[in-house]
C-alpha atoms as a PDB file:
ATOM      1  CA  MET A   1    -138.392  -3.413  98.497  1.00  0.00           C
ATOM      2  CA  LEU A   2    -138.729  -7.090  98.912  1.00  0.00           C
ATOM      3  CA  LEU A   3    -137.209  -8.790 101.806  1.00  0.00           C
ATOM      4  CA  ALA A   4    -136.401 -12.052 102.985  1.00  0.00           C
ATOM      5  CA  ILE A   5    -136.981 -12.352 106.825  1.00  0.00           C
ATOM      6  CA  LEU A   6    -135.475 -15.537 108.096  1.00  0.00           C
ATOM      7  CA  SER A   7    -135.346 -16.876 111.776  1.00  0.00           C
ATOM      8  CA  ASP A   8    -133.823 -19.868 113.940  1.00  0.00           C
ATOM      9  CA  ILE A   9    -131.591 -21.207 111.800  1.00  0.00           C
ATOM     10  CA  HIS A  10    -129.898 -23.055 115.286  1.00  0.00           C
ATOM     11  CA  ALA A  11    -126.800 -23.920 113.209  1.00  0.00           C
ATOM     12  CA  ASN A  12    -128.537 -25.839 110.556  1.00  0.00           C
ATOM     13  CA  LEU A  13    -126.231 -25.446 107.985  1.00  0.00           C
ATOM     14  CA  PRO A  14    -128.046 -27.758 104.759  1.00  0.00           C
ATOM     15  CA  ALA A  15    -130.952 -25.787 105.353  1.00  0.00           C
ATOM     16  CA  LEU A  16    -129.828 -22.320 105.845  1.00  0.00           C
ATOM     17  CA  GLU A  17    -127.799 -22.901 102.011  1.00  0.00           C
ATOM     18  CA  THR A  18    -131.058 -23.876 101.015  1.00  0.00           C
ATOM     19  CA  VAL A  19    -132.955 -20.957 101.466  1.00  0.00           C
ATOM     20  CA  LEU A  20    -130.074 -18.796 100.923  1.00  0.00           C
ATOM     21  CA  ASP A  21    -130.607 -20.142  97.551  1.00  0.00           C
ATOM     22  CA  GLU A  22    -134.408 -19.805  97.186  1.00  0.00           C
ATOM     23  CA  ILE A  23    -133.798 -16.042  98.321  1.00  0.00           C
ATOM     24  CA  GLU A  24    -131.188 -15.467  95.900  1.00  0.00           C
ATOM     25  CA  GLY A  25    -133.762 -16.856  93.175  1.00  0.00           C
ATOM     26  CA  ALA A  26    -136.371 -14.564  94.326  1.00  0.00           C
ATOM     27  CA  GLY A  27    -134.428 -11.538  93.243  1.00  0.00           C
ATOM     28  CA  VAL A  28    -134.999  -9.602  96.914  1.00  0.00           C
ATOM     29  CA  ASP A  29    -133.115  -6.513  98.077  1.00  0.00           C
ATOM     30  CA  GLU A  30    -132.011  -7.251 101.372  1.00  0.00           C
ATOM     31  CA  ALA A  31    -131.960 -10.748 103.962  1.00  0.00           C
ATOM     32  CA  TRP A  32    -132.808  -9.918 107.813  1.00  0.00           C
ATOM     33  CA  CYS A  33    -132.699 -12.524 110.134  1.00  0.00           C
ATOM     34  CA  LEU A  34    -134.469 -12.519 113.306  1.00  0.00           C
ATOM     35  CA  GLY A  35    -131.994 -14.240 115.406  1.00  0.00           C
ATOM     36  CA  ASP A  36    -130.984 -17.617 116.806  1.00  0.00           C
ATOM     37  CA  VAL A  37    -128.153 -18.456 114.643  1.00  0.00           C
ATOM     38  CA  VAL A  38    -126.424 -20.935 116.724  1.00  0.00           C
ATOM     39  CA  GLY A  39    -127.507 -23.884 119.404  1.00  0.00           C
ATOM     40  CA  TYR A  40    -128.798 -26.939 118.307  1.00  0.00           C
ATOM     41  CA  GLY A  41    -126.973 -27.596 115.032  1.00  0.00           C
ATOM     42  CA  ALA A  42    -123.701 -28.604 114.622  1.00  0.00           C
ATOM     43  CA  GLN A  43    -122.361 -26.330 112.019  1.00  0.00           C
ATOM     44  CA  PRO A  44    -122.373 -22.748 114.186  1.00  0.00           C
ATOM     45  CA  ASN A  45    -119.395 -20.829 112.985  1.00  0.00           C
ATOM     46  CA  GLU A  46    -120.379 -21.898 108.801  1.00  0.00           C
ATOM     47  CA  CYS A  47    -123.913 -20.787 109.432  1.00  0.00           C
ATOM     48  CA  ALA A  48    -122.965 -17.145 111.226  1.00  0.00           C
ATOM     49  CA  GLU A  49    -121.003 -16.655 108.546  1.00  0.00           C
ATOM     50  CA  LEU A  50    -123.413 -17.008 105.811  1.00  0.00           C
ATOM     51  CA  VAL A  51    -125.545 -14.465 107.623  1.00  0.00           C
ATOM     52  CA  ARG A  52    -122.794 -12.370 108.261  1.00  0.00           C
ATOM     53  CA  GLU A  53    -122.056 -11.947 104.532  1.00  0.00           C
ATOM     54  CA  HIS A  54    -125.995 -12.081 103.176  1.00  0.00           C
ATOM     55  CA  CYS A  55    -127.880 -10.798 106.051  1.00  0.00           C
ATOM     56  CA  SER A  56    -128.333  -6.973 106.267  1.00  0.00           C
ATOM     57  CA  ILE A  57    -130.154  -6.973 109.530  1.00  0.00           C
ATOM     58  CA  CYS A  58    -129.546  -9.876 112.592  1.00  0.00           C
ATOM     59  CA  LEU A  59    -130.929  -9.999 115.780  1.00  0.00           C
ATOM     60  CA  VAL A  60    -129.459 -12.120 118.613  1.00  0.00           C
ATOM     61  CA  GLY A  61    -131.430 -14.841 120.213  1.00  0.00           C
ATOM     62  CA  ASN A  62    -131.545 -16.363 123.309  1.00  0.00           C
ATOM     63  CA  HIS A  63    -129.665 -19.378 122.059  1.00  0.00           C
ATOM     64  CA  ASP A  64    -126.854 -16.749 120.533  1.00  0.00           C
ATOM     65  CA  LEU A  65    -127.093 -15.749 124.056  1.00  0.00           C
ATOM     66  CA  ALA A  66    -126.772 -18.985 125.844  1.00  0.00           C
ATOM     67  CA  ALA A  67    -123.988 -19.981 123.462  1.00  0.00           C
ATOM     68  CA  LEU A  68    -122.210 -16.348 125.222  1.00  0.00           C
ATOM     69  CA  ASP A  69    -122.857 -17.850 128.896  1.00  0.00           C
ATOM     70  CA  GLU A  70    -124.778 -14.357 128.911  1.00  0.00           C
ATOM     71  CA  LEU A  71    -127.868 -16.183 129.516  1.00  0.00           C
ATOM     72  CA  ASP A  72    -129.256 -19.120 132.449  1.00  0.00           C
ATOM     73  CA  ILE A  73    -129.736 -22.252 131.141  1.00  0.00           C
ATOM     74  CA  SER A  74    -131.379 -23.792 133.847  1.00  0.00           C
ATOM     75  CA  THR A  75    -134.431 -23.974 132.689  1.00  0.00           C
ATOM     76  CA  PHE A  76    -133.308 -25.153 129.097  1.00  0.00           C
ATOM     77  CA  SER A  77    -134.295 -28.652 128.269  1.00  0.00           C
ATOM     78  CA  PRO A  78    -131.135 -31.550 128.750  1.00  0.00           C
ATOM     79  CA  ALA A  79    -130.802 -31.453 125.025  1.00  0.00           C
ATOM     80  CA  ALA A  80    -130.771 -27.883 124.817  1.00  0.00           C
ATOM     81  CA  ALA A  81    -127.950 -27.402 127.340  1.00  0.00           C
ATOM     82  CA  ALA A  82    -126.292 -29.889 126.378  1.00  0.00           C
ATOM     83  CA  ALA A  83    -125.886 -28.206 122.538  1.00  0.00           C
ATOM     84  CA  VAL A  84    -125.616 -25.114 124.555  1.00  0.00           C
ATOM     85  CA  ARG A  85    -122.610 -26.555 126.270  1.00  0.00           C
ATOM     86  CA  TRP A  86    -120.889 -28.008 123.048  1.00  0.00           C
ATOM     87  CA  THR A  87    -121.545 -24.485 121.379  1.00  0.00           C
ATOM     88  CA  ARG A  88    -119.957 -22.802 123.625  1.00  0.00           C
ATOM     89  CA  ASP A  89    -116.860 -24.782 123.101  1.00  0.00           C
ATOM     90  CA  ALA A  90    -117.113 -25.086 119.100  1.00  0.00           C
ATOM     91  CA  MET A  91    -117.788 -21.068 118.139  1.00  0.00           C
ATOM     92  CA  SER A  92    -115.106 -19.715 116.598  1.00  0.00           C
ATOM     93  CA  GLU A  93    -113.546 -16.297 118.155  1.00  0.00           C
ATOM     94  CA  ARG A  94    -115.239 -14.736 115.005  1.00  0.00           C
ATOM     95  CA  THR A  95    -118.046 -16.300 115.351  1.00  0.00           C
ATOM     96  CA  THR A  96    -118.142 -14.797 119.479  1.00  0.00           C
ATOM     97  CA  ALA A  97    -117.222 -11.013 117.977  1.00  0.00           C
ATOM     98  CA  PHE A  98    -120.543 -10.823 115.540  1.00  0.00           C
ATOM     99  CA  LEU A  99    -122.934 -12.358 117.830  1.00  0.00           C
ATOM    100  CA  ARG A 100    -121.742 -10.158 120.727  1.00  0.00           C
ATOM    101  CA  SER A 101    -122.157  -7.147 118.110  1.00  0.00           C
ATOM    102  CA  LEU A 102    -125.974  -8.199 117.768  1.00  0.00           C
ATOM    103  CA  ALA A 103    -129.287  -6.895 119.649  1.00  0.00           C
ATOM    104  CA  PRO A 104    -132.619  -8.593 120.028  1.00  0.00           C
ATOM    105  CA  ALA A 105    -134.229  -5.868 118.452  1.00  0.00           C
ATOM    106  CA  GLU A 106    -134.950  -3.395 115.942  1.00  0.00           C
ATOM    107  CA  GLU A 107    -137.191  -0.878 115.733  1.00  0.00           C
ATOM    108  CA  GLY A 108    -135.604   1.898 113.474  1.00  0.00           C
ATOM    109  CA  ARG A 109    -137.107   0.615 110.249  1.00  0.00           C
ATOM    110  CA  GLU A 110    -139.805   0.422 108.473  1.00  0.00           C
ATOM    111  CA  VAL A 111    -141.070  -2.823 109.954  1.00  0.00           C
ATOM    112  CA  ALA A 112    -139.977  -3.809 113.625  1.00  0.00           C
ATOM    113  CA  LEU A 113    -137.828  -6.790 114.476  1.00  0.00           C
ATOM    114  CA  TYR A 114    -138.105  -8.890 117.527  1.00  0.00           C
ATOM    115  CA  HIS A 115    -136.352 -12.149 118.542  1.00  0.00           C
ATOM    116  CA  ALA A 116    -139.141 -13.598 120.603  1.00  0.00           C
ATOM    117  CA  SER A 117    -141.765 -10.568 121.283  1.00  0.00           C
ATOM    118  CA  PRO A 118    -142.444  -7.084 121.438  1.00  0.00           C
ATOM    119  CA  ARG A 119    -142.656  -7.043 125.106  1.00  0.00           C
ATOM    120  CA  ASP A 120    -140.164  -9.525 126.023  1.00  0.00           C
ATOM    121  CA  PRO A 121    -137.367  -9.551 122.894  1.00  0.00           C
ATOM    122  CA  VAL A 122    -135.562 -12.440 124.361  1.00  0.00           C
ATOM    123  CA  TRP A 123    -137.712 -15.129 126.008  1.00  0.00           C
ATOM    124  CA  GLU A 124    -141.361 -14.648 125.263  1.00  0.00           C
ATOM    125  CA  TYR A 125    -143.535 -17.427 123.008  1.00  0.00           C
ATOM    126  CA  VAL A 126    -146.294 -15.284 121.062  1.00  0.00           C
ATOM    127  CA  LEU A 127    -148.278 -18.513 120.095  1.00  0.00           C
ATOM    128  CA  TRP A 128    -152.361 -17.324 121.486  1.00  0.00           C
ATOM    129  CA  PRO A 129    -154.422 -14.478 119.892  1.00  0.00           C
ATOM    130  CA  ASP A 130    -155.053 -12.915 123.515  1.00  0.00           C
ATOM    131  CA  GLN A 131    -150.993 -12.815 123.866  1.00  0.00           C
ATOM    132  CA  ALA A 132    -150.099 -11.847 120.476  1.00  0.00           C
ATOM    133  CA  ALA A 133    -152.909  -8.495 120.700  1.00  0.00           C
ATOM    134  CA  GLU A 134    -151.043  -7.142 123.778  1.00  0.00           C
ATOM    135  CA  CYS A 135    -147.855  -7.510 121.671  1.00  0.00           C
ATOM    136  CA  ILE A 136    -149.204  -5.168 118.781  1.00  0.00           C
ATOM    137  CA  ARG A 137    -150.425  -3.160 120.908  1.00  0.00           C
ATOM    138  CA  VAL A 138    -146.960  -2.332 121.867  1.00  0.00           C
ATOM    139  CA  GLN A 139    -144.893  -3.037 119.279  1.00  0.00           C
ATOM    140  CA  ALA A 140    -143.310  -0.202 117.585  1.00  0.00           C
ATOM    141  CA  SER A 141    -144.442  -0.421 113.647  1.00  0.00           C
ATOM    142  CA  ARG A 142    -147.741  -0.947 112.355  1.00  0.00           C
ATOM    143  CA  VAL A 143    -146.010  -4.056 110.762  1.00  0.00           C
ATOM    144  CA  SER A 144    -143.768  -6.018 112.950  1.00  0.00           C
ATOM    145  CA  PHE A 145    -141.959  -9.879 112.431  1.00  0.00           C
ATOM    146  CA  ILE A 146    -141.085 -12.112 115.468  1.00  0.00           C
ATOM    147  CA  GLY A 147    -139.185 -15.552 115.856  1.00  0.00           C
ATOM    148  CA  HIS A 148    -138.542 -17.431 118.624  1.00  0.00           C
ATOM    149  CA  SER A 149    -141.523 -20.164 118.381  1.00  0.00           C
ATOM    150  CA  HIS A 150    -140.031 -21.786 115.466  1.00  0.00           C
ATOM    151  CA  VAL A 151    -143.826 -21.642 114.213  1.00  0.00           C
ATOM    152  CA  ALA A 152    -144.908 -20.308 110.952  1.00  0.00           C
ATOM    153  CA  LEU A 153    -147.831 -17.846 111.804  1.00  0.00           C
ATOM    154  CA  PHE A 154    -149.816 -14.340 111.634  1.00  0.00           C
ATOM    155  CA  PHE A 155    -151.528 -12.259 113.804  1.00  0.00           C
ATOM    156  CA  ALA A 156    -154.013  -8.941 112.820  1.00  0.00           C
ATOM    157  CA  LEU A 157    -155.632  -6.776 114.520  1.00  0.00           C
ATOM    158  CA  PRO A 158    -157.640  -3.703 112.848  1.00  0.00           C
ATOM    159  CA  GLU A 159    -156.270  -0.049 113.476  1.00  0.00           C
ATOM    160  CA  ASP A 160    -159.377   0.628 115.739  1.00  0.00           C
ATOM    161  CA  SER A 161    -158.885  -1.739 117.770  1.00  0.00           C
ATOM    162  CA  ASP A 162    -159.722  -0.983 121.139  1.00  0.00           C
ATOM    163  CA  SER A 163    -163.604   0.482 121.224  1.00  0.00           C
ATOM    164  CA  ALA A 164    -164.511   3.115 123.340  1.00  0.00           C
ATOM    165  CA  HIS A 165    -166.061   1.077 125.706  1.00  0.00           C
ATOM    166  CA  GLY A 166    -162.843  -0.230 126.708  1.00  0.00           C
ATOM    167  CA  GLN A 167    -163.072  -3.529 125.057  1.00  0.00           C
ATOM    168  CA  ARG A 168    -160.166  -5.328 124.062  1.00  0.00           C
ATOM    169  CA  PRO A 169    -160.482  -7.790 121.351  1.00  0.00           C
ATOM    170  CA  ASP A 170    -158.049 -10.624 121.081  1.00  0.00           C
ATOM    171  CA  ALA A 171    -155.890 -10.515 117.534  1.00  0.00           C
ATOM    172  CA  ARG A 172    -157.244 -12.698 114.510  1.00  0.00           C
ATOM    173  CA  GLY A 173    -154.745 -15.242 113.699  1.00  0.00           C
ATOM    174  CA  ALA A 174    -153.829 -18.954 112.292  1.00  0.00           C
ATOM    175  CA  GLN A 175    -150.636 -20.786 111.626  1.00  0.00           C
ATOM    176  CA  ALA A 176    -149.515 -20.187 107.923  1.00  0.00           C
ATOM    177  CA  GLY A 177    -148.779 -22.905 105.281  1.00  0.00           C
ATOM    178  CA  ALA A 178    -146.268 -22.437 102.179  1.00  0.00           C
ATOM    179  CA  GLY A 179    -147.803 -20.202  99.997  1.00  0.00           C
ATOM    180  CA  THR A 180    -149.646 -18.456 102.693  1.00  0.00           C
ATOM    181  CA  SER A 181    -150.354 -14.920 101.391  1.00  0.00           C
ATOM    182  CA  LEU A 182    -151.471 -12.077 103.217  1.00  0.00           C
ATOM    183  CA  GLU A 183    -152.333  -8.252 102.334  1.00  0.00           C
ATOM    184  CA  VAL A 184    -150.585  -5.980 104.899  1.00  0.00           C
ATOM    185  CA  GLY A 185    -151.393  -2.957 103.773  1.00  0.00           C
ATOM    186  CA  ARG A 186    -153.677  -1.607 106.756  1.00  0.00           C
ATOM    187  CA  GLY A 187    -153.977  -2.989 109.959  1.00  0.00           C
ATOM    188  CA  ARG A 188    -151.397  -4.570 112.528  1.00  0.00           C
ATOM    189  CA  TRP A 189    -149.640  -7.197 112.140  1.00  0.00           C
ATOM    190  CA  LEU A 190    -147.106  -9.368 113.875  1.00  0.00           C
ATOM    191  CA  ILE A 191    -145.558 -12.165 111.985  1.00  0.00           C
ATOM    192  CA  ASN A 192    -143.713 -15.827 112.383  1.00  0.00           C
ATOM    193  CA  PRO A 193    -142.134 -16.732 109.739  1.00  0.00           C
ATOM    194  CA  GLY A 194    -141.771 -19.985 111.039  1.00  0.00           C
ATOM    195  CA  SER A 195    -137.899 -21.574 112.028  1.00  0.00           C
ATOM    196  CA  VAL A 196    -135.030 -22.097 108.939  1.00  0.00           C
ATOM    197  CA  GLY A 197    -133.337 -24.937 111.184  1.00  0.00           C
ATOM    198  CA  GLN A 198    -135.641 -26.510 113.169  1.00  0.00           C
ATOM    199  CA  PRO A 199    -139.104 -26.065 112.020  1.00  0.00           C
ATOM    200  CA  ARG A 200    -141.814 -27.194 115.122  1.00  0.00           C
ATOM    201  CA  ASP A 201    -144.902 -26.954 113.054  1.00  0.00           C
ATOM    202  CA  GLY A 202    -145.080 -30.696 111.816  1.00  0.00           C
ATOM    203  CA  ASP A 203    -144.041 -29.631 108.005  1.00  0.00           C
ATOM    204  CA  ALA A 204    -139.989 -30.583 108.343  1.00  0.00           C
ATOM    205  CA  ARG A 205    -139.077 -28.102 105.251  1.00  0.00           C
ATOM    206  CA  ALA A 206    -136.765 -24.837 106.092  1.00  0.00           C
ATOM    207  CA  ALA A 207    -139.355 -21.693 106.679  1.00  0.00           C
ATOM    208  CA  TRP A 208    -138.698 -18.507 105.241  1.00  0.00           C
ATOM    209  CA  LEU A 209    -141.074 -15.407 104.177  1.00  0.00           C
ATOM    210  CA  GLU A 210    -140.664 -12.652 101.505  1.00  0.00           C
ATOM    211  CA  LEU A 211    -142.162  -9.309 102.063  1.00  0.00           C
ATOM    212  CA  ASP A 212    -143.098  -6.978  99.273  1.00  0.00           C
ATOM    213  CA  THR A 213    -142.762  -3.198 101.279  1.00  0.00           C
ATOM    214  CA  ASP A 214    -144.412  -1.512  98.416  1.00  0.00           C
ATOM    215  CA  ALA A 215    -147.234  -3.907  97.624  1.00  0.00           C
ATOM    216  CA  TRP A 216    -147.044  -4.254 101.442  1.00  0.00           C
ATOM    217  CA  LYS A 217    -147.322  -8.490 100.658  1.00  0.00           C
ATOM    218  CA  ALA A 218    -145.779 -11.077 102.444  1.00  0.00           C
ATOM    219  CA  THR A 219    -146.096 -14.458 101.132  1.00  0.00           C
ATOM    220  CA  PHE A 220    -144.743 -17.934 103.646  1.00  0.00           C
ATOM    221  CA  HIS A 221    -142.267 -20.183 101.654  1.00  0.00           C
ATOM    222  CA  ARG A 222    -140.950 -23.453 102.566  1.00  0.00           C
ATOM    223  CA  ALA A 223    -137.920 -25.389 101.300  1.00  0.00           C
ATOM    224  CA  GLU A 224    -136.820 -29.059 100.889  1.00  0.00           C
ATOM    225  CA  TYR A 225    -133.052 -29.331 101.990  1.00  0.00           C
ATOM    226  CA  ASP A 226    -130.968 -32.420 102.489  1.00  0.00           C
ATOM    227  CA  ILE A 227    -132.271 -33.549 106.317  1.00  0.00           C
ATOM    228  CA  ASP A 228    -129.513 -36.276 106.041  1.00  0.00           C
ATOM    229  CA  ARG A 229    -126.936 -33.968 105.798  1.00  0.00           C
ATOM    230  CA  ALA A 230    -127.948 -31.789 108.836  1.00  0.00           C
ATOM    231  CA  ALA A 231    -128.903 -34.675 111.824  1.00  0.00           C
ATOM    232  CA  ASP A 232    -125.786 -36.828 110.377  1.00  0.00           C
ATOM    233  CA  ALA A 233    -123.594 -33.350 111.298  1.00  0.00           C
ATOM    234  CA  ILE A 234    -125.309 -33.985 114.175  1.00  0.00           C
ATOM    235  CA  VAL A 235    -124.781 -37.395 115.465  1.00  0.00           C
ATOM    236  CA  ALA A 236    -121.091 -37.143 114.212  1.00  0.00           C
ATOM    237  CA  SER A 237    -120.460 -34.352 116.660  1.00  0.00           C
ATOM    238  CA  ASN A 238    -121.858 -36.158 119.545  1.00  0.00           C
ATOM    239  CA  LEU A 239    -124.994 -34.351 120.090  1.00  0.00           C
ATOM    240  CA  PRO A 240    -127.883 -35.690 121.447  1.00  0.00           C
ATOM    241  CA  GLU A 241    -129.705 -37.540 118.535  1.00  0.00           C
ATOM    242  CA  HIS A 242    -132.853 -36.193 119.347  1.00  0.00           C
ATOM    243  CA  LEU A 243    -131.539 -33.057 117.791  1.00  0.00           C
ATOM    244  CA  ALA A 244    -131.281 -34.836 114.839  1.00  0.00           C
ATOM    245  CA  ARG A 245    -134.130 -36.974 114.420  1.00  0.00           C
ATOM    246  CA  ARG A 246    -136.613 -34.252 115.574  1.00  0.00           C
ATOM    247  CA  LEU A 247    -135.545 -32.570 112.207  1.00  0.00           C
ATOM    248  CA  TYR A 248    -137.479 -35.248 109.897  1.00  0.00           C
ATOM    249  CA  VAL A 249    -140.838 -34.660 111.908  1.00  0.00           C
ATOM    250  CA  GLY A 250    -140.565 -30.721 111.761  1.00  0.00           C
ATOM    251  CA  GLN A 251    -141.029 -30.916 115.675  1.00  0.00           C
END
């Protein structure tokens, strides 16, 4: 099966439309979304509708839960909290019902899916090899996917990573640029496709990942999209201008 894995759309309609066009051109069988459909951006209802139409699996992310008033936003940055409050007012009943129907993890498929991490599907940011190794050891499948950090990266451990002497090595891993291809047929893997709507890895292009489960090959993609259109929508909606500016630098 050929899958498209996407995450952290954050109500960025131009980015999502561009990624969906690329996915269609790639001839994938199914698209799966790892959550955070809304938050930060100015078009939550339009993005939720496209995800509902095009993604056979969608998880709920922390910003989705915050928009549903099911998560405390006292630790959010001022801009993120302002976007949550704006999104709560902007969301339609249809979007609200869709987000309420979602869970933060899916462990019933050939690969496991988590919004944030296998240890904490809602909150944990997985960015470091030692942390990733502990997550890999508890994930439900040999290959798992996470979002949340907005950074395209991967971590891997060999199948027999725990030695007889009790040593628990860190995972090997790295950030993944456009075109990075991984052979994931052996070992245990934890992979983040990066963010569609608000990349934070220095590449402003929308990110997504292609997974071939027959060849067990994962390929990272980046897509140029109309950032001006997304930024203008944020400014026009009186959301914090910082949320528009950061789209241009991928941070």
